[in-house]
Amino acid sequence: QVELVESGGGLVQPGGSLKLSCTASRSIVDFYAMDWYRQSPGKVRELVAQIGNSGWTNYADSVKGRFTISGDNAENTVYLQMNSLIPEDTAVYYCHVNLGGLRVGYWGQGTQVTVSS
């Protein structure tokens, strides 16, 4: 069992920045990867960014060049730095423990990000 605590969401104007944090109750290097997903009302939850335990990263096309995922293994924390935010980025953002393959991972409780003027 892994518990995830997310923070950093909020209301920001278009063009602004936010940094999300996700702290795990166990060492994140034990996992295949850590992911950030997001879900808007009426839409399917989508993968935003991933960071593997060896440091590789992967991003959705819609956020490339604007979002950066990083990890602090000593703090068991993953971050999502979001810059140049647009209204379409409005969603609940979820942290996810990726165990690899078909294994079911773990989800955080989600943090709301709203981009609006």
C-alpha atoms as a PDB file:
ATOM      1  CA  GLN A   1       0.000   0.000   0.000  1.00  0.00           C
ATOM      2  CA  VAL A   2       1.240   3.468  -0.906  1.00  0.00           C
ATOM      3  CA  GLU A   3      -0.231   6.770   0.195  1.00  0.00           C
ATOM      4  CA  LEU A   4       0.189   9.863  -1.928  1.00  0.00           C
ATOM      5  CA  VAL A   5      -0.307  13.431  -0.774  1.00  0.00           C
ATOM      6  CA  GLU A   6      -0.654  16.100  -3.438  1.00  0.00           C
ATOM      7  CA  SER A   7      -0.495  19.846  -3.078  1.00  0.00           C
ATOM      8  CA  GLY A   8       0.055  23.017  -5.058  1.00  0.00           C
ATOM      9  CA  GLY A   9      -3.144  23.401  -7.026  1.00  0.00           C
ATOM     10  CA  GLY A  10      -5.119  26.608  -7.206  1.00  0.00           C
ATOM     11  CA  LEU A  11      -6.441  29.415  -9.357  1.00  0.00           C
ATOM     12  CA  VAL A  12      -4.056  31.091 -11.770  1.00  0.00           C
ATOM     13  CA  GLN A  13      -4.439  33.513 -14.660  1.00  0.00           C
ATOM     14  CA  PRO A  14      -3.622  32.466 -18.221  1.00  0.00           C
ATOM     15  CA  GLY A  15       0.119  32.659 -18.784  1.00  0.00           C
ATOM     16  CA  GLY A  16       0.832  32.002 -15.132  1.00  0.00           C
ATOM     17  CA  SER A  17       2.641  29.164 -13.382  1.00  0.00           C
ATOM     18  CA  LEU A  18       1.956  26.577 -10.696  1.00  0.00           C
ATOM     19  CA  LYS A  19       4.060  23.818  -9.166  1.00  0.00           C
ATOM     20  CA  LEU A  20       2.376  20.645  -8.004  1.00  0.00           C
ATOM     21  CA  SER A  21       3.929  18.300  -5.450  1.00  0.00           C
ATOM     22  CA  CYS A  22       3.245  14.651  -4.719  1.00  0.00           C
ATOM     23  CA  THR A  23       4.832  12.969  -1.700  1.00  0.00           C
ATOM     24  CA  ALA A  24       4.738   9.192  -1.370  1.00  0.00           C
ATOM     25  CA  SER A  25       4.750   7.173   1.835  1.00  0.00           C
ATOM     26  CA  ARG A  26       7.499   4.957   0.396  1.00  0.00           C
ATOM     27  CA  SER A  27      10.647   5.412  -1.628  1.00  0.00           C
ATOM     28  CA  ILE A  28       9.717   6.385  -5.180  1.00  0.00           C
ATOM     29  CA  VAL A  29      12.765   4.606  -6.606  1.00  0.00           C
ATOM     30  CA  ASP A  30      10.964   1.345  -5.797  1.00  0.00           C
ATOM     31  CA  PHE A  31       8.453   2.082  -8.546  1.00  0.00           C
ATOM     32  CA  TYR A  32       8.738   1.802 -12.309  1.00  0.00           C
ATOM     33  CA  ALA A  33       7.641   5.427 -12.706  1.00  0.00           C
ATOM     34  CA  MET A  34       5.645   8.251 -11.204  1.00  0.00           C
ATOM     35  CA  ASP A  35       2.947   9.822 -13.321  1.00  0.00           C
ATOM     36  CA  TRP A  36       0.792  12.929 -13.363  1.00  0.00           C
ATOM     37  CA  TYR A  37      -2.658  12.595 -14.911  1.00  0.00           C
ATOM     38  CA  ARG A  38      -5.455  15.117 -15.246  1.00  0.00           C
ATOM     39  CA  GLN A  39      -9.198  14.970 -15.737  1.00  0.00           C
ATOM     40  CA  SER A  40     -11.598  17.685 -16.798  1.00  0.00           C
ATOM     41  CA  PRO A  41     -15.386  17.413 -16.367  1.00  0.00           C
ATOM     42  CA  GLY A  42     -16.860  15.125 -18.998  1.00  0.00           C
ATOM     43  CA  LYS A  43     -13.458  14.038 -20.270  1.00  0.00           C
ATOM     44  CA  VAL A  44     -11.353  10.921 -19.908  1.00  0.00           C
ATOM     45  CA  ARG A  45      -8.447  11.024 -17.469  1.00  0.00           C
ATOM     46  CA  GLU A  46      -5.307  11.654 -19.513  1.00  0.00           C
ATOM     47  CA  LEU A  47      -1.609  11.152 -18.906  1.00  0.00           C
ATOM     48  CA  VAL A  48       0.256  14.449 -18.601  1.00  0.00           C
ATOM     49  CA  ALA A  49       3.814  13.492 -17.670  1.00  0.00           C
ATOM     50  CA  GLN A  50       5.918  10.601 -16.392  1.00  0.00           C
ATOM     51  CA  ILE A  51       9.288  10.204 -14.753  1.00  0.00           C
ATOM     52  CA  GLY A  52      10.921   6.799 -14.560  1.00  0.00           C
ATOM     53  CA  ASN A  53      13.045   5.494 -11.723  1.00  0.00           C
ATOM     54  CA  SER A  54      16.107   5.841 -13.960  1.00  0.00           C
ATOM     55  CA  GLY A  55      15.223   9.440 -14.763  1.00  0.00           C
ATOM     56  CA  TRP A  56      13.585   9.143 -18.173  1.00  0.00           C
ATOM     57  CA  THR A  57      10.656  11.451 -18.802  1.00  0.00           C
ATOM     58  CA  ASN A  58       7.644  11.462 -21.077  1.00  0.00           C
ATOM     59  CA  TYR A  59       5.110  14.216 -21.793  1.00  0.00           C
ATOM     60  CA  ALA A  60       1.785  14.591 -23.508  1.00  0.00           C
ATOM     61  CA  ASP A  61       2.099  16.621 -26.696  1.00  0.00           C
ATOM     62  CA  SER A  62      -0.250  19.248 -25.289  1.00  0.00           C
ATOM     63  CA  VAL A  63       2.148  20.137 -22.457  1.00  0.00           C
ATOM     64  CA  LYS A  64       5.573  19.669 -24.064  1.00  0.00           C
ATOM     65  CA  GLY A  65       7.707  22.758 -23.613  1.00  0.00           C
ATOM     66  CA  ARG A  66       5.441  24.120 -20.884  1.00  0.00           C
ATOM     67  CA  PHE A  67       5.432  21.475 -18.125  1.00  0.00           C
ATOM     68  CA  THR A  68       8.415  19.849 -16.433  1.00  0.00           C
ATOM     69  CA  ILE A  69       8.299  16.759 -14.225  1.00  0.00           C
ATOM     70  CA  SER A  70      11.047  16.149 -11.689  1.00  0.00           C
ATOM     71  CA  GLY A  71      11.698  14.026  -8.651  1.00  0.00           C
ATOM     72  CA  ASP A  72      13.448  14.271  -5.298  1.00  0.00           C
ATOM     73  CA  ASN A  73      14.244  10.715  -4.244  1.00  0.00           C
ATOM     74  CA  ALA A  74      15.445  11.789  -0.806  1.00  0.00           C
ATOM     75  CA  GLU A  75      12.047  13.396  -0.126  1.00  0.00           C
ATOM     76  CA  ASN A  76       9.990  10.720  -1.952  1.00  0.00           C
ATOM     77  CA  THR A  77       8.435  13.593  -3.872  1.00  0.00           C
ATOM     78  CA  VAL A  78       7.596  14.245  -7.488  1.00  0.00           C
ATOM     79  CA  TYR A  79       6.930  17.704  -8.859  1.00  0.00           C
ATOM     80  CA  LEU A  80       5.121  19.083 -11.863  1.00  0.00           C
ATOM     81  CA  GLN A  81       6.195  22.591 -12.808  1.00  0.00           C
ATOM     82  CA  MET A  82       3.526  24.108 -15.047  1.00  0.00           C
ATOM     83  CA  ASN A  83       4.320  27.263 -16.990  1.00  0.00           C
ATOM     84  CA  SER A  84       2.452  29.263 -19.633  1.00  0.00           C
ATOM     85  CA  LEU A  85      -0.817  27.860 -18.376  1.00  0.00           C
ATOM     86  CA  ILE A  86      -3.871  28.074 -20.611  1.00  0.00           C
ATOM     87  CA  PRO A  87      -7.573  27.597 -19.772  1.00  0.00           C
ATOM     88  CA  GLU A  88      -7.466  24.144 -21.372  1.00  0.00           C
ATOM     89  CA  ASP A  89      -5.117  23.057 -18.572  1.00  0.00           C
ATOM     90  CA  THR A  90      -7.967  23.411 -16.088  1.00  0.00           C
ATOM     91  CA  ALA A  91      -8.532  20.010 -14.487  1.00  0.00           C
ATOM     92  CA  VAL A  92      -8.082  17.912 -11.400  1.00  0.00           C
ATOM     93  CA  TYR A  93      -4.487  16.702 -11.423  1.00  0.00           C
ATOM     94  CA  TYR A  94      -3.712  13.268  -9.989  1.00  0.00           C
ATOM     95  CA  CYS A  95      -0.422  11.729  -8.959  1.00  0.00           C
ATOM     96  CA  HIS A  96      -0.038   8.034  -9.798  1.00  0.00           C
ATOM     97  CA  VAL A  97       2.390   5.310  -8.785  1.00  0.00           C
ATOM     98  CA  ASN A  98       3.227   3.304 -11.913  1.00  0.00           C
ATOM     99  CA  LEU A  99       4.286  -0.241 -11.083  1.00  0.00           C
ATOM    100  CA  GLY A 100       4.892  -1.144 -14.724  1.00  0.00           C
ATOM    101  CA  GLY A 101       3.255  -3.786 -16.909  1.00  0.00           C
ATOM    102  CA  LEU A 102      -0.362  -4.516 -16.090  1.00  0.00           C
ATOM    103  CA  ARG A 103      -0.013  -4.091 -12.359  1.00  0.00           C
ATOM    104  CA  VAL A 104      -2.496  -1.753 -10.724  1.00  0.00           C
ATOM    105  CA  GLY A 105      -0.831   1.290  -9.219  1.00  0.00           C
ATOM    106  CA  TYR A 106      -1.887   3.846  -6.655  1.00  0.00           C
ATOM    107  CA  TRP A 107      -3.629   7.201  -6.985  1.00  0.00           C
ATOM    108  CA  GLY A 108      -3.511  10.399  -5.035  1.00  0.00           C
ATOM    109  CA  GLN A 109      -6.619  12.307  -4.042  1.00  0.00           C
ATOM    110  CA  GLY A 110      -6.202  14.926  -6.759  1.00  0.00           C
ATOM    111  CA  THR A 111      -5.618  18.656  -6.680  1.00  0.00           C
ATOM    112  CA  GLN A 112      -7.675  21.208  -8.612  1.00  0.00           C
ATOM    113  CA  VAL A 113      -5.964  23.514 -11.089  1.00  0.00           C
ATOM    114  CA  THR A 114      -8.065  26.309 -12.554  1.00  0.00           C
ATOM    115  CA  VAL A 115      -6.726  28.636 -15.233  1.00  0.00           C
ATOM    116  CA  SER A 116      -8.988  31.620 -15.647  1.00  0.00           C
ATOM    117  CA  SER A 117      -8.904  35.380 -15.848  1.00  0.00           C
END
